[in-house]
Amino acid sequence: MTSYLLESDDFAAKEEIEKKIIHQEKFEEAEKSIYDIEETSLENALEDLDTYHFLSSKKIVIIRNIEAISQEEEKENLEHLYKYIENPLPENLLIVESKKLNHTTKLAKELKKKCKTIEVEVSPKSYMKEQLKGFTISQEEINLLEELCQKDVTKIKMECEKLKNYKWDEKKIERKDIEELVVKKLGDSKDLTFSFSRSLALKDKEDALKKYRELLEYNIEPLSIIGLLASQIRIIYQVKLLSKRNLSDREIASMLEEKSDYRIKKTRELIGLYTEKELLEIMKKLSDIDYRLKTTDTNPHREIENFILNIEKE
């Protein structure tokens, strides 16, 4: 049985290809298990692949976000995975999914050599027209919807469902419907908070102000932004201290009660940009701002912008 590697940033696009593979391999009736490497260890997926299922002769195992794995700490499990792919059980269908692999790593080279690799590409306009089949919509409205969704197939799918439900009786979608219902796609607020922290660490005031104003587009209250930033700074401080003990990402994640070591791995990118003293000073300043916002009528935007503008380069 061939194992598959799907590579794309778009969840819905991968999901569509996944369905086609399952149909093509005649596994529609098989039980499906999904293991997200950002949430669980590869070991759990391997145990499933190696275990005979007594209820069904066929089994689908999907491993998501393989790019998030720690190649050093999971070295033994990865070698196990490579060996399995070389001699897979015929009753198992394995689909490995990634957002973006670093093609210079052993992980990428081994998976691409051993799996049937599909770089998922879906035309947003074609997908949109397929989703809205049976509804009247002009090319101008299609272009607007694509622009608002930034060609993200996952978001296109969600917004098409919303529009269809709203215009089910009329079966006609107009510009005013899209403008009323479709919210412009934004990035992940966690990633943006991470970028905001990095800009502060680099003392890049202009970029930090830009990232702060982007966060406001998520309709997040300034007080919540302070909380998000304080949480990020706190974990940087904790990881910086624990890293001195030569602990692995997984060990640190366990100590900090994080669900996976992915956040720890990302946080390590920032710890060299701060001294412990700087981190403590930032936490103190954020605590003071939080207190003022809760106890006075001070302007929250001015407080945060002043905090950013008062960052001094060494």
C-alpha atoms as a PDB file:
ATOM      1  CA  MET A   1       0.000   0.000   0.000  1.00  0.00           C
ATOM      2  CA  THR A   2       1.410   3.394  -1.039  1.00  0.00           C
ATOM      3  CA  SER A   3       1.859   6.033   1.674  1.00  0.00           C
ATOM      4  CA  TYR A   4       1.134   9.663   0.783  1.00  0.00           C
ATOM      5  CA  LEU A   5       2.691  13.008   1.675  1.00  0.00           C
ATOM      6  CA  LEU A   6       0.477  16.088   1.235  1.00  0.00           C
ATOM      7  CA  GLU A   7       2.193  19.469   1.420  1.00  0.00           C
ATOM      8  CA  SER A   8       0.182  22.693   1.629  1.00  0.00           C
ATOM      9  CA  ASP A   9      -0.652  25.599   3.949  1.00  0.00           C
ATOM     10  CA  ASP A  10      -4.338  25.192   3.163  1.00  0.00           C
ATOM     11  CA  PHE A  11      -6.273  22.745   5.346  1.00  0.00           C
ATOM     12  CA  ALA A  12      -9.374  22.545   3.106  1.00  0.00           C
ATOM     13  CA  ALA A  13      -7.268  21.940   0.017  1.00  0.00           C
ATOM     14  CA  LYS A  14      -5.494  19.046   1.749  1.00  0.00           C
ATOM     15  CA  GLU A  15      -8.849  17.727   2.941  1.00  0.00           C
ATOM     16  CA  GLU A  16     -10.151  17.616  -0.654  1.00  0.00           C
ATOM     17  CA  ILE A  17      -7.093  15.667  -1.870  1.00  0.00           C
ATOM     18  CA  GLU A  18      -7.363  13.409   1.181  1.00  0.00           C
ATOM     19  CA  LYS A  19     -10.928  12.468   0.168  1.00  0.00           C
ATOM     20  CA  LYS A  20      -9.790  11.681  -3.381  1.00  0.00           C
ATOM     21  CA  ILE A  21      -6.963   9.436  -2.130  1.00  0.00           C
ATOM     22  CA  ILE A  22      -9.319   7.537   0.190  1.00  0.00           C
ATOM     23  CA  HIS A  23     -11.761   7.013  -2.705  1.00  0.00           C
ATOM     24  CA  GLN A  24      -9.007   6.040  -5.137  1.00  0.00           C
ATOM     25  CA  GLU A  25      -7.549   3.480  -2.708  1.00  0.00           C
ATOM     26  CA  LYS A  26     -11.057   2.150  -1.886  1.00  0.00           C
ATOM     27  CA  PHE A  27     -10.800   2.928   1.839  1.00  0.00           C
ATOM     28  CA  GLU A  28     -14.170   4.738   2.145  1.00  0.00           C
ATOM     29  CA  GLU A  29     -15.466   2.242   4.726  1.00  0.00           C
ATOM     30  CA  ALA A  30     -12.269   2.138   6.790  1.00  0.00           C
ATOM     31  CA  GLU A  31     -11.925   3.600  10.266  1.00  0.00           C
ATOM     32  CA  LYS A  32      -9.934   6.858  10.279  1.00  0.00           C
ATOM     33  CA  SER A  33      -7.546   8.028  13.029  1.00  0.00           C
ATOM     34  CA  ILE A  34      -5.929  11.483  13.000  1.00  0.00           C
ATOM     35  CA  TYR A  35      -2.756  12.412  14.917  1.00  0.00           C
ATOM     36  CA  ASP A  36      -1.725  16.066  15.041  1.00  0.00           C
ATOM     37  CA  ILE A  37       1.987  16.392  15.863  1.00  0.00           C
ATOM     38  CA  GLU A  38       1.334  19.808  17.421  1.00  0.00           C
ATOM     39  CA  GLU A  39      -0.856  18.031  19.987  1.00  0.00           C
ATOM     40  CA  THR A  40       0.516  14.505  20.357  1.00  0.00           C
ATOM     41  CA  SER A  41       3.644  12.400  19.936  1.00  0.00           C
ATOM     42  CA  LEU A  42       4.419  10.536  16.719  1.00  0.00           C
ATOM     43  CA  GLU A  43       4.687   7.427  18.880  1.00  0.00           C
ATOM     44  CA  ASN A  44       0.876   7.266  19.193  1.00  0.00           C
ATOM     45  CA  ALA A  45       0.436   7.187  15.408  1.00  0.00           C
ATOM     46  CA  LEU A  46       3.139   4.523  15.055  1.00  0.00           C
ATOM     47  CA  GLU A  47       1.438   2.343  17.668  1.00  0.00           C
ATOM     48  CA  ASP A  48      -1.798   2.601  15.679  1.00  0.00           C
ATOM     49  CA  LEU A  49      -0.021   1.698  12.422  1.00  0.00           C
ATOM     50  CA  ASP A  50       1.608  -1.343  14.038  1.00  0.00           C
ATOM     51  CA  THR A  51      -1.552  -2.599  15.744  1.00  0.00           C
ATOM     52  CA  TYR A  52      -4.023  -4.931  14.060  1.00  0.00           C
ATOM     53  CA  HIS A  53      -7.580  -3.611  14.363  1.00  0.00           C
ATOM     54  CA  PHE A  54     -10.033  -6.347  15.337  1.00  0.00           C
ATOM     55  CA  LEU A  55     -13.174  -4.465  14.148  1.00  0.00           C
ATOM     56  CA  SER A  56     -12.063  -3.751  10.588  1.00  0.00           C
ATOM     57  CA  SER A  57      -9.526  -5.137   8.116  1.00  0.00           C
ATOM     58  CA  LYS A  58      -8.762  -1.635   6.799  1.00  0.00           C
ATOM     59  CA  LYS A  59      -7.533   1.440   8.640  1.00  0.00           C
ATOM     60  CA  ILE A  60      -6.660   5.035   7.668  1.00  0.00           C
ATOM     61  CA  VAL A  61      -3.983   6.818   9.704  1.00  0.00           C
ATOM     62  CA  ILE A  62      -3.468  10.525   9.077  1.00  0.00           C
ATOM     63  CA  ILE A  63      -0.461  12.326  10.598  1.00  0.00           C
ATOM     64  CA  ARG A  64      -0.916  16.103  10.500  1.00  0.00           C
ATOM     65  CA  ASN A  65       1.651  18.914  10.924  1.00  0.00           C
ATOM     66  CA  ILE A  66       4.652  16.594  10.617  1.00  0.00           C
ATOM     67  CA  GLU A  67       6.827  19.710  10.110  1.00  0.00           C
ATOM     68  CA  ALA A  68       6.287  20.553  13.817  1.00  0.00           C
ATOM     69  CA  ILE A  69       8.145  17.464  15.001  1.00  0.00           C
ATOM     70  CA  SER A  70      11.435  17.739  16.879  1.00  0.00           C
ATOM     71  CA  GLN A  71      13.747  15.759  14.595  1.00  0.00           C
ATOM     72  CA  GLU A  72      16.353  15.382  17.324  1.00  0.00           C
ATOM     73  CA  GLU A  73      14.074  14.317  20.182  1.00  0.00           C
ATOM     74  CA  GLU A  74      11.841  12.125  18.009  1.00  0.00           C
ATOM     75  CA  LYS A  75      14.754  10.617  16.074  1.00  0.00           C
ATOM     76  CA  GLU A  76      13.928   7.046  17.104  1.00  0.00           C
ATOM     77  CA  ASN A  77      10.236   7.440  16.241  1.00  0.00           C
ATOM     78  CA  LEU A  78      11.095   9.008  12.878  1.00  0.00           C
ATOM     79  CA  GLU A  79      13.389   6.088  12.012  1.00  0.00           C
ATOM     80  CA  HIS A  80      10.478   3.798  12.946  1.00  0.00           C
ATOM     81  CA  LEU A  81       8.206   5.792  10.603  1.00  0.00           C
ATOM     82  CA  TYR A  82      10.687   5.605   7.704  1.00  0.00           C
ATOM     83  CA  LYS A  83      10.996   1.815   8.134  1.00  0.00           C
ATOM     84  CA  TYR A  84       7.210   1.432   8.286  1.00  0.00           C
ATOM     85  CA  ILE A  85       6.753   3.403   5.040  1.00  0.00           C
ATOM     86  CA  GLU A  86       9.269   1.100   3.321  1.00  0.00           C
ATOM     87  CA  ASN A  87       7.196  -1.959   4.327  1.00  0.00           C
ATOM     88  CA  PRO A  88       3.641  -0.757   5.075  1.00  0.00           C
ATOM     89  CA  LEU A  89       0.845  -3.065   6.100  1.00  0.00           C
ATOM     90  CA  PRO A  90      -1.490  -3.556   3.110  1.00  0.00           C
ATOM     91  CA  GLU A  91      -4.585  -3.011   5.269  1.00  0.00           C
ATOM     92  CA  ASN A  92      -3.367   0.476   6.338  1.00  0.00           C
ATOM     93  CA  LEU A  93      -3.565   3.706   4.370  1.00  0.00           C
ATOM     94  CA  LEU A  94      -1.077   6.275   5.705  1.00  0.00           C
ATOM     95  CA  ILE A  95      -1.384   9.966   4.798  1.00  0.00           C
ATOM     96  CA  VAL A  96       1.250  12.341   6.166  1.00  0.00           C
ATOM     97  CA  GLU A  97       0.401  16.042   5.980  1.00  0.00           C
ATOM     98  CA  SER A  98       2.572  19.131   6.379  1.00  0.00           C
ATOM     99  CA  LYS A  99       2.180  22.866   5.951  1.00  0.00           C
ATOM    100  CA  LYS A 100       5.657  23.527   4.612  1.00  0.00           C
ATOM    101  CA  LEU A 101       8.662  21.228   4.875  1.00  0.00           C
ATOM    102  CA  ASN A 102      12.254  22.411   4.946  1.00  0.00           C
ATOM    103  CA  HIS A 103      13.498  20.469   1.942  1.00  0.00           C
ATOM    104  CA  THR A 104      17.091  20.414   3.231  1.00  0.00           C
ATOM    105  CA  THR A 105      16.189  18.293   6.292  1.00  0.00           C
ATOM    106  CA  LYS A 106      16.373  14.518   6.555  1.00  0.00           C
ATOM    107  CA  LEU A 107      12.650  14.484   7.391  1.00  0.00           C
ATOM    108  CA  ALA A 108      11.715  16.068   4.057  1.00  0.00           C
ATOM    109  CA  LYS A 109      14.179  13.968   2.047  1.00  0.00           C
ATOM    110  CA  GLU A 110      13.061  10.663   3.598  1.00  0.00           C
ATOM    111  CA  LEU A 111       9.341  11.379   3.265  1.00  0.00           C
ATOM    112  CA  LYS A 112       9.649  12.594  -0.328  1.00  0.00           C
ATOM    113  CA  LYS A 113      11.759   9.550  -1.230  1.00  0.00           C
ATOM    114  CA  LYS A 114       9.477   6.998   0.442  1.00  0.00           C
ATOM    115  CA  CYS A 115       5.983   8.509  -0.021  1.00  0.00           C
ATOM    116  CA  LYS A 116       3.964   9.506  -3.023  1.00  0.00           C
ATOM    117  CA  THR A 117       4.239  13.292  -2.678  1.00  0.00           C
ATOM    118  CA  ILE A 118       1.371  15.556  -3.655  1.00  0.00           C
ATOM    119  CA  GLU A 119       1.987  19.299  -3.500  1.00  0.00           C
ATOM    120  CA  VAL A 120      -1.593  20.379  -3.058  1.00  0.00           C
ATOM    121  CA  GLU A 121      -2.723  23.071  -5.434  1.00  0.00           C
ATOM    122  CA  VAL A 122      -6.354  24.065  -5.795  1.00  0.00           C
ATOM    123  CA  SER A 123      -7.521  26.936  -7.988  1.00  0.00           C
ATOM    124  CA  PRO A 124      -9.463  29.246  -5.612  1.00  0.00           C
ATOM    125  CA  LYS A 125     -11.795  30.453  -8.381  1.00  0.00           C
ATOM    126  CA  SER A 126     -12.549  26.928  -9.631  1.00  0.00           C
ATOM    127  CA  TYR A 127     -13.111  25.704  -6.079  1.00  0.00           C
ATOM    128  CA  MET A 128     -15.407  28.670  -5.375  1.00  0.00           C
ATOM    129  CA  LYS A 129     -17.495  27.999  -8.499  1.00  0.00           C
ATOM    130  CA  GLU A 130     -17.771  24.327  -7.545  1.00  0.00           C
ATOM    131  CA  GLN A 131     -18.892  25.221  -4.014  1.00  0.00           C
ATOM    132  CA  LEU A 132     -21.493  27.711  -5.346  1.00  0.00           C
ATOM    133  CA  LYS A 133     -22.861  25.453  -8.098  1.00  0.00           C
ATOM    134  CA  GLY A 134     -26.595  26.097  -8.478  1.00  0.00           C
ATOM    135  CA  PHE A 135     -26.241  29.739  -7.359  1.00  0.00           C
ATOM    136  CA  THR A 136     -26.029  32.771  -9.623  1.00  0.00           C
ATOM    137  CA  ILE A 137     -22.909  34.845  -8.979  1.00  0.00           C
ATOM    138  CA  SER A 138     -21.015  37.176 -11.337  1.00  0.00           C
ATOM    139  CA  GLN A 139     -17.280  37.066 -12.060  1.00  0.00           C
ATOM    140  CA  GLU A 140     -16.940  40.418 -10.289  1.00  0.00           C
ATOM    141  CA  GLU A 141     -18.386  38.930  -7.091  1.00  0.00           C
ATOM    142  CA  ILE A 142     -16.140  35.842  -7.473  1.00  0.00           C
ATOM    143  CA  ASN A 143     -13.102  38.161  -7.660  1.00  0.00           C
ATOM    144  CA  LEU A 144     -14.239  40.076  -4.567  1.00  0.00           C
ATOM    145  CA  LEU A 145     -14.765  36.885  -2.573  1.00  0.00           C
ATOM    146  CA  GLU A 146     -11.326  35.605  -3.610  1.00  0.00           C
ATOM    147  CA  GLU A 147      -9.744  38.901  -2.540  1.00  0.00           C
ATOM    148  CA  LEU A 148     -11.433  38.899   0.869  1.00  0.00           C
ATOM    149  CA  CYS A 149     -10.434  35.276   1.456  1.00  0.00           C
ATOM    150  CA  GLN A 150      -6.881  35.887   0.190  1.00  0.00           C
ATOM    151  CA  LYS A 151      -7.143  32.718  -1.924  1.00  0.00           C
ATOM    152  CA  ASP A 152      -7.361  30.614   1.253  1.00  0.00           C
ATOM    153  CA  VAL A 153      -9.423  27.556   0.242  1.00  0.00           C
ATOM    154  CA  THR A 154     -10.321  26.772   3.860  1.00  0.00           C
ATOM    155  CA  LYS A 155     -11.825  30.225   4.342  1.00  0.00           C
ATOM    156  CA  ILE A 156     -13.475  30.125   0.886  1.00  0.00           C
ATOM    157  CA  LYS A 157     -15.246  26.902   1.897  1.00  0.00           C
ATOM    158  CA  MET A 158     -16.545  28.436   5.140  1.00  0.00           C
ATOM    159  CA  GLU A 159     -17.673  31.669   3.483  1.00  0.00           C
ATOM    160  CA  CYS A 160     -19.404  29.853   0.595  1.00  0.00           C
ATOM    161  CA  GLU A 161     -21.385  27.786   3.120  1.00  0.00           C
ATOM    162  CA  LYS A 162     -22.379  30.975   4.921  1.00  0.00           C
ATOM    163  CA  LEU A 163     -23.475  32.677   1.675  1.00  0.00           C
ATOM    164  CA  LYS A 164     -25.430  29.628   0.493  1.00  0.00           C
ATOM    165  CA  ASN A 165     -27.328  29.375   3.764  1.00  0.00           C
ATOM    166  CA  TYR A 166     -28.119  33.099   3.648  1.00  0.00           C
ATOM    167  CA  LYS A 167     -29.326  33.088   0.003  1.00  0.00           C
ATOM    168  CA  TRP A 168     -30.759  29.568  -0.141  1.00  0.00           C
ATOM    169  CA  ASP A 169     -34.214  30.673  -1.309  1.00  0.00           C
ATOM    170  CA  GLU A 170     -33.096  33.206  -3.931  1.00  0.00           C
ATOM    171  CA  LYS A 171     -30.100  31.207  -5.230  1.00  0.00           C
ATOM    172  CA  LYS A 172     -28.454  34.494  -6.223  1.00  0.00           C
ATOM    173  CA  ILE A 173     -25.412  36.020  -4.497  1.00  0.00           C
ATOM    174  CA  GLU A 174     -24.762  39.736  -4.959  1.00  0.00           C
ATOM    175  CA  ARG A 175     -21.957  42.102  -3.968  1.00  0.00           C
ATOM    176  CA  LYS A 176     -23.929  43.490  -1.017  1.00  0.00           C
ATOM    177  CA  ASP A 177     -24.317  39.949   0.385  1.00  0.00           C
ATOM    178  CA  ILE A 178     -20.549  39.378   0.277  1.00  0.00           C
ATOM    179  CA  GLU A 179     -19.801  42.788   1.802  1.00  0.00           C
ATOM    180  CA  GLU A 180     -22.317  42.144   4.564  1.00  0.00           C
ATOM    181  CA  LEU A 181     -21.322  38.568   5.455  1.00  0.00           C
ATOM    182  CA  VAL A 182     -17.681  37.967   4.533  1.00  0.00           C
ATOM    183  CA  VAL A 183     -15.015  39.188   6.932  1.00  0.00           C
ATOM    184  CA  LYS A 184     -11.604  39.858   5.393  1.00  0.00           C
ATOM    185  CA  LYS A 185      -9.146  37.065   6.233  1.00  0.00           C
ATOM    186  CA  LEU A 186      -6.585  37.829   8.906  1.00  0.00           C
ATOM    187  CA  GLY A 187      -3.568  35.784   9.942  1.00  0.00           C
ATOM    188  CA  ASP A 188      -3.280  33.759  13.126  1.00  0.00           C
ATOM    189  CA  SER A 189      -3.350  36.094  16.165  1.00  0.00           C
ATOM    190  CA  LYS A 190      -0.877  33.802  17.996  1.00  0.00           C
ATOM    191  CA  ASP A 191       1.620  34.136  15.145  1.00  0.00           C
ATOM    192  CA  LEU A 192       1.062  37.889  15.100  1.00  0.00           C
ATOM    193  CA  THR A 193       1.632  38.115  18.872  1.00  0.00           C
ATOM    194  CA  PHE A 194       4.869  36.162  18.388  1.00  0.00           C
ATOM    195  CA  SER A 195       5.943  38.602  15.626  1.00  0.00           C
ATOM    196  CA  PHE A 196       4.982  41.536  17.883  1.00  0.00           C
ATOM    197  CA  SER A 197       7.230  40.112  20.635  1.00  0.00           C
ATOM    198  CA  ARG A 198      10.076  39.700  18.144  1.00  0.00           C
ATOM    199  CA  SER A 199       9.763  43.321  16.966  1.00  0.00           C
ATOM    200  CA  LEU A 200       9.865  44.496  20.588  1.00  0.00           C
ATOM    201  CA  ALA A 201      12.932  42.348  21.242  1.00  0.00           C
ATOM    202  CA  LEU A 202      14.674  43.823  18.205  1.00  0.00           C
ATOM    203  CA  LYS A 203      13.560  47.273  19.443  1.00  0.00           C
ATOM    204  CA  ASP A 204      12.027  47.932  16.018  1.00  0.00           C
ATOM    205  CA  LYS A 205       9.464  50.519  17.091  1.00  0.00           C
ATOM    206  CA  GLU A 206       8.013  51.064  13.630  1.00  0.00           C
ATOM    207  CA  ASP A 207       7.337  47.372  13.027  1.00  0.00           C
ATOM    208  CA  ALA A 208       6.067  46.861  16.610  1.00  0.00           C
ATOM    209  CA  LEU A 209       3.550  49.696  16.128  1.00  0.00           C
ATOM    210  CA  LYS A 210       2.480  48.150  12.825  1.00  0.00           C
ATOM    211  CA  LYS A 211       1.983  44.727  14.444  1.00  0.00           C
ATOM    212  CA  TYR A 212       0.036  46.296  17.314  1.00  0.00           C
ATOM    213  CA  ARG A 213      -2.335  48.025  14.878  1.00  0.00           C
ATOM    214  CA  GLU A 214      -2.772  44.743  12.985  1.00  0.00           C
ATOM    215  CA  LEU A 215      -3.758  43.044  16.257  1.00  0.00           C
ATOM    216  CA  LEU A 216      -6.469  45.680  16.716  1.00  0.00           C
ATOM    217  CA  GLU A 217      -8.057  44.457  13.449  1.00  0.00           C
ATOM    218  CA  TYR A 218      -8.969  41.237  15.284  1.00  0.00           C
ATOM    219  CA  ASN A 219     -11.264  43.308  17.524  1.00  0.00           C
ATOM    220  CA  ILE A 220      -9.095  42.339  20.496  1.00  0.00           C
ATOM    221  CA  GLU A 221      -9.397  44.789  23.362  1.00  0.00           C
ATOM    222  CA  PRO A 222      -6.152  46.617  24.353  1.00  0.00           C
ATOM    223  CA  LEU A 223      -6.349  44.998  27.805  1.00  0.00           C
ATOM    224  CA  SER A 224      -6.436  41.571  26.141  1.00  0.00           C
ATOM    225  CA  ILE A 225      -3.463  42.501  23.954  1.00  0.00           C
ATOM    226  CA  ILE A 226      -1.531  43.376  27.118  1.00  0.00           C
ATOM    227  CA  GLY A 227      -2.502  39.955  28.500  1.00  0.00           C
ATOM    228  CA  LEU A 228      -1.402  38.158  25.314  1.00  0.00           C
ATOM    229  CA  LEU A 229       1.919  39.991  25.293  1.00  0.00           C
ATOM    230  CA  ALA A 230       2.519  39.423  29.019  1.00  0.00           C
ATOM    231  CA  SER A 231       1.861  35.698  28.515  1.00  0.00           C
ATOM    232  CA  GLN A 232       4.345  35.587  25.636  1.00  0.00           C
ATOM    233  CA  ILE A 233       7.032  37.461  27.602  1.00  0.00           C
ATOM    234  CA  ARG A 234       6.456  35.229  30.643  1.00  0.00           C
ATOM    235  CA  ILE A 235       6.987  32.026  28.655  1.00  0.00           C
ATOM    236  CA  ILE A 236      10.118  33.477  27.037  1.00  0.00           C
ATOM    237  CA  TYR A 237      11.471  34.152  30.534  1.00  0.00           C
ATOM    238  CA  GLN A 238      10.560  30.644  31.737  1.00  0.00           C
ATOM    239  CA  VAL A 239      12.070  28.929  28.684  1.00  0.00           C
ATOM    240  CA  LYS A 240      15.223  31.056  28.996  1.00  0.00           C
ATOM    241  CA  LEU A 241      15.703  29.923  32.604  1.00  0.00           C
ATOM    242  CA  LEU A 242      14.893  26.262  31.940  1.00  0.00           C
ATOM    243  CA  SER A 243      17.141  26.153  28.858  1.00  0.00           C
ATOM    244  CA  LYS A 244      20.112  26.711  31.176  1.00  0.00           C
ATOM    245  CA  ARG A 245      19.395  23.255  32.615  1.00  0.00           C
ATOM    246  CA  ASN A 246      19.850  21.654  29.174  1.00  0.00           C
ATOM    247  CA  LEU A 247      16.269  20.401  29.176  1.00  0.00           C
ATOM    248  CA  SER A 248      14.678  19.270  25.906  1.00  0.00           C
ATOM    249  CA  ASP A 249      11.697  21.038  24.352  1.00  0.00           C
ATOM    250  CA  ARG A 250       9.465  18.168  25.437  1.00  0.00           C
ATOM    251  CA  GLU A 251      10.707  18.296  29.034  1.00  0.00           C
ATOM    252  CA  ILE A 252      10.149  22.054  29.205  1.00  0.00           C
ATOM    253  CA  ALA A 253       6.675  21.684  27.654  1.00  0.00           C
ATOM    254  CA  SER A 254       5.814  19.102  30.311  1.00  0.00           C
ATOM    255  CA  MET A 255       7.043  21.343  33.144  1.00  0.00           C
ATOM    256  CA  LEU A 256       5.080  24.333  31.790  1.00  0.00           C
ATOM    257  CA  GLU A 257       1.995  22.156  31.115  1.00  0.00           C
ATOM    258  CA  GLU A 258       2.015  22.924  27.395  1.00  0.00           C
ATOM    259  CA  LYS A 259       0.102  20.440  25.219  1.00  0.00           C
ATOM    260  CA  SER A 260       3.018  20.074  22.791  1.00  0.00           C
ATOM    261  CA  ASP A 261       6.618  21.177  22.486  1.00  0.00           C
ATOM    262  CA  TYR A 262       5.894  23.260  19.363  1.00  0.00           C
ATOM    263  CA  ARG A 263       5.398  26.524  21.274  1.00  0.00           C
ATOM    264  CA  ILE A 264       8.608  25.866  23.224  1.00  0.00           C
ATOM    265  CA  LYS A 265      10.514  25.294  20.006  1.00  0.00           C
ATOM    266  CA  LYS A 266       9.234  28.613  18.598  1.00  0.00           C
ATOM    267  CA  THR A 267       9.958  30.445  21.854  1.00  0.00           C
ATOM    268  CA  ARG A 268      13.602  29.345  21.784  1.00  0.00           C
ATOM    269  CA  GLU A 269      13.967  31.562  18.694  1.00  0.00           C
ATOM    270  CA  LEU A 270      13.399  34.599  20.925  1.00  0.00           C
ATOM    271  CA  ILE A 271      15.293  33.849  24.126  1.00  0.00           C
ATOM    272  CA  GLY A 272      18.619  35.074  22.757  1.00  0.00           C
ATOM    273  CA  LEU A 273      17.120  38.466  21.944  1.00  0.00           C
ATOM    274  CA  TYR A 274      16.431  39.333  25.599  1.00  0.00           C
ATOM    275  CA  THR A 275      18.413  39.393  28.831  1.00  0.00           C
ATOM    276  CA  GLU A 276      16.673  38.104  31.954  1.00  0.00           C
ATOM    277  CA  LYS A 277      16.740  41.652  33.324  1.00  0.00           C
ATOM    278  CA  GLU A 278      14.984  43.004  30.210  1.00  0.00           C
ATOM    279  CA  LEU A 279      12.272  40.359  30.449  1.00  0.00           C
ATOM    280  CA  LEU A 280      11.610  41.160  34.102  1.00  0.00           C
ATOM    281  CA  GLU A 281      11.474  44.899  33.324  1.00  0.00           C
ATOM    282  CA  ILE A 282       9.011  44.321  30.463  1.00  0.00           C
ATOM    283  CA  MET A 283       6.782  42.178  32.690  1.00  0.00           C
ATOM    284  CA  LYS A 284       6.834  44.925  35.337  1.00  0.00           C
ATOM    285  CA  LYS A 285       5.915  47.611  32.774  1.00  0.00           C
ATOM    286  CA  LEU A 286       3.090  45.480  31.368  1.00  0.00           C
ATOM    287  CA  SER A 287       1.788  44.849  34.886  1.00  0.00           C
ATOM    288  CA  ASP A 288       1.810  48.607  35.567  1.00  0.00           C
ATOM    289  CA  ILE A 289      -0.076  49.307  32.339  1.00  0.00           C
ATOM    290  CA  ASP A 290      -2.602  46.587  33.162  1.00  0.00           C
ATOM    291  CA  TYR A 291      -3.175  48.145  36.598  1.00  0.00           C
ATOM    292  CA  ARG A 292      -3.637  51.667  35.162  1.00  0.00           C
ATOM    293  CA  LEU A 293      -6.070  50.455  32.506  1.00  0.00           C
ATOM    294  CA  LYS A 294      -8.179  48.717  35.159  1.00  0.00           C
ATOM    295  CA  THR A 295      -8.155  51.529  37.736  1.00  0.00           C
ATOM    296  CA  THR A 296      -8.098  54.798  35.756  1.00  0.00           C
ATOM    297  CA  ASP A 297      -9.611  56.385  32.667  1.00  0.00           C
ATOM    298  CA  THR A 298      -6.278  56.483  30.866  1.00  0.00           C
ATOM    299  CA  ASN A 299      -6.374  56.009  27.084  1.00  0.00           C
ATOM    300  CA  PRO A 300      -5.417  52.333  26.478  1.00  0.00           C
ATOM    301  CA  HIS A 301      -4.069  52.899  22.948  1.00  0.00           C
ATOM    302  CA  ARG A 302      -1.849  55.745  24.112  1.00  0.00           C
ATOM    303  CA  GLU A 303      -0.530  53.597  26.975  1.00  0.00           C
ATOM    304  CA  ILE A 304       0.459  50.751  24.656  1.00  0.00           C
ATOM    305  CA  GLU A 305       1.901  53.008  21.976  1.00  0.00           C
ATOM    306  CA  ASN A 306       3.948  54.889  24.583  1.00  0.00           C
ATOM    307  CA  PHE A 307       5.212  51.539  25.880  1.00  0.00           C
ATOM    308  CA  ILE A 308       6.392  50.663  22.352  1.00  0.00           C
ATOM    309  CA  LEU A 309       7.895  54.097  21.631  1.00  0.00           C
ATOM    310  CA  ASN A 310       9.837  54.073  24.913  1.00  0.00           C
ATOM    311  CA  ILE A 311      11.780  50.965  23.972  1.00  0.00           C
ATOM    312  CA  GLU A 312      15.398  52.028  23.767  1.00  0.00           C
ATOM    313  CA  LYS A 313      18.113  50.436  21.686  1.00  0.00           C
ATOM    314  CA  GLU A 314      21.165  49.355  23.607  1.00  0.00           C
END
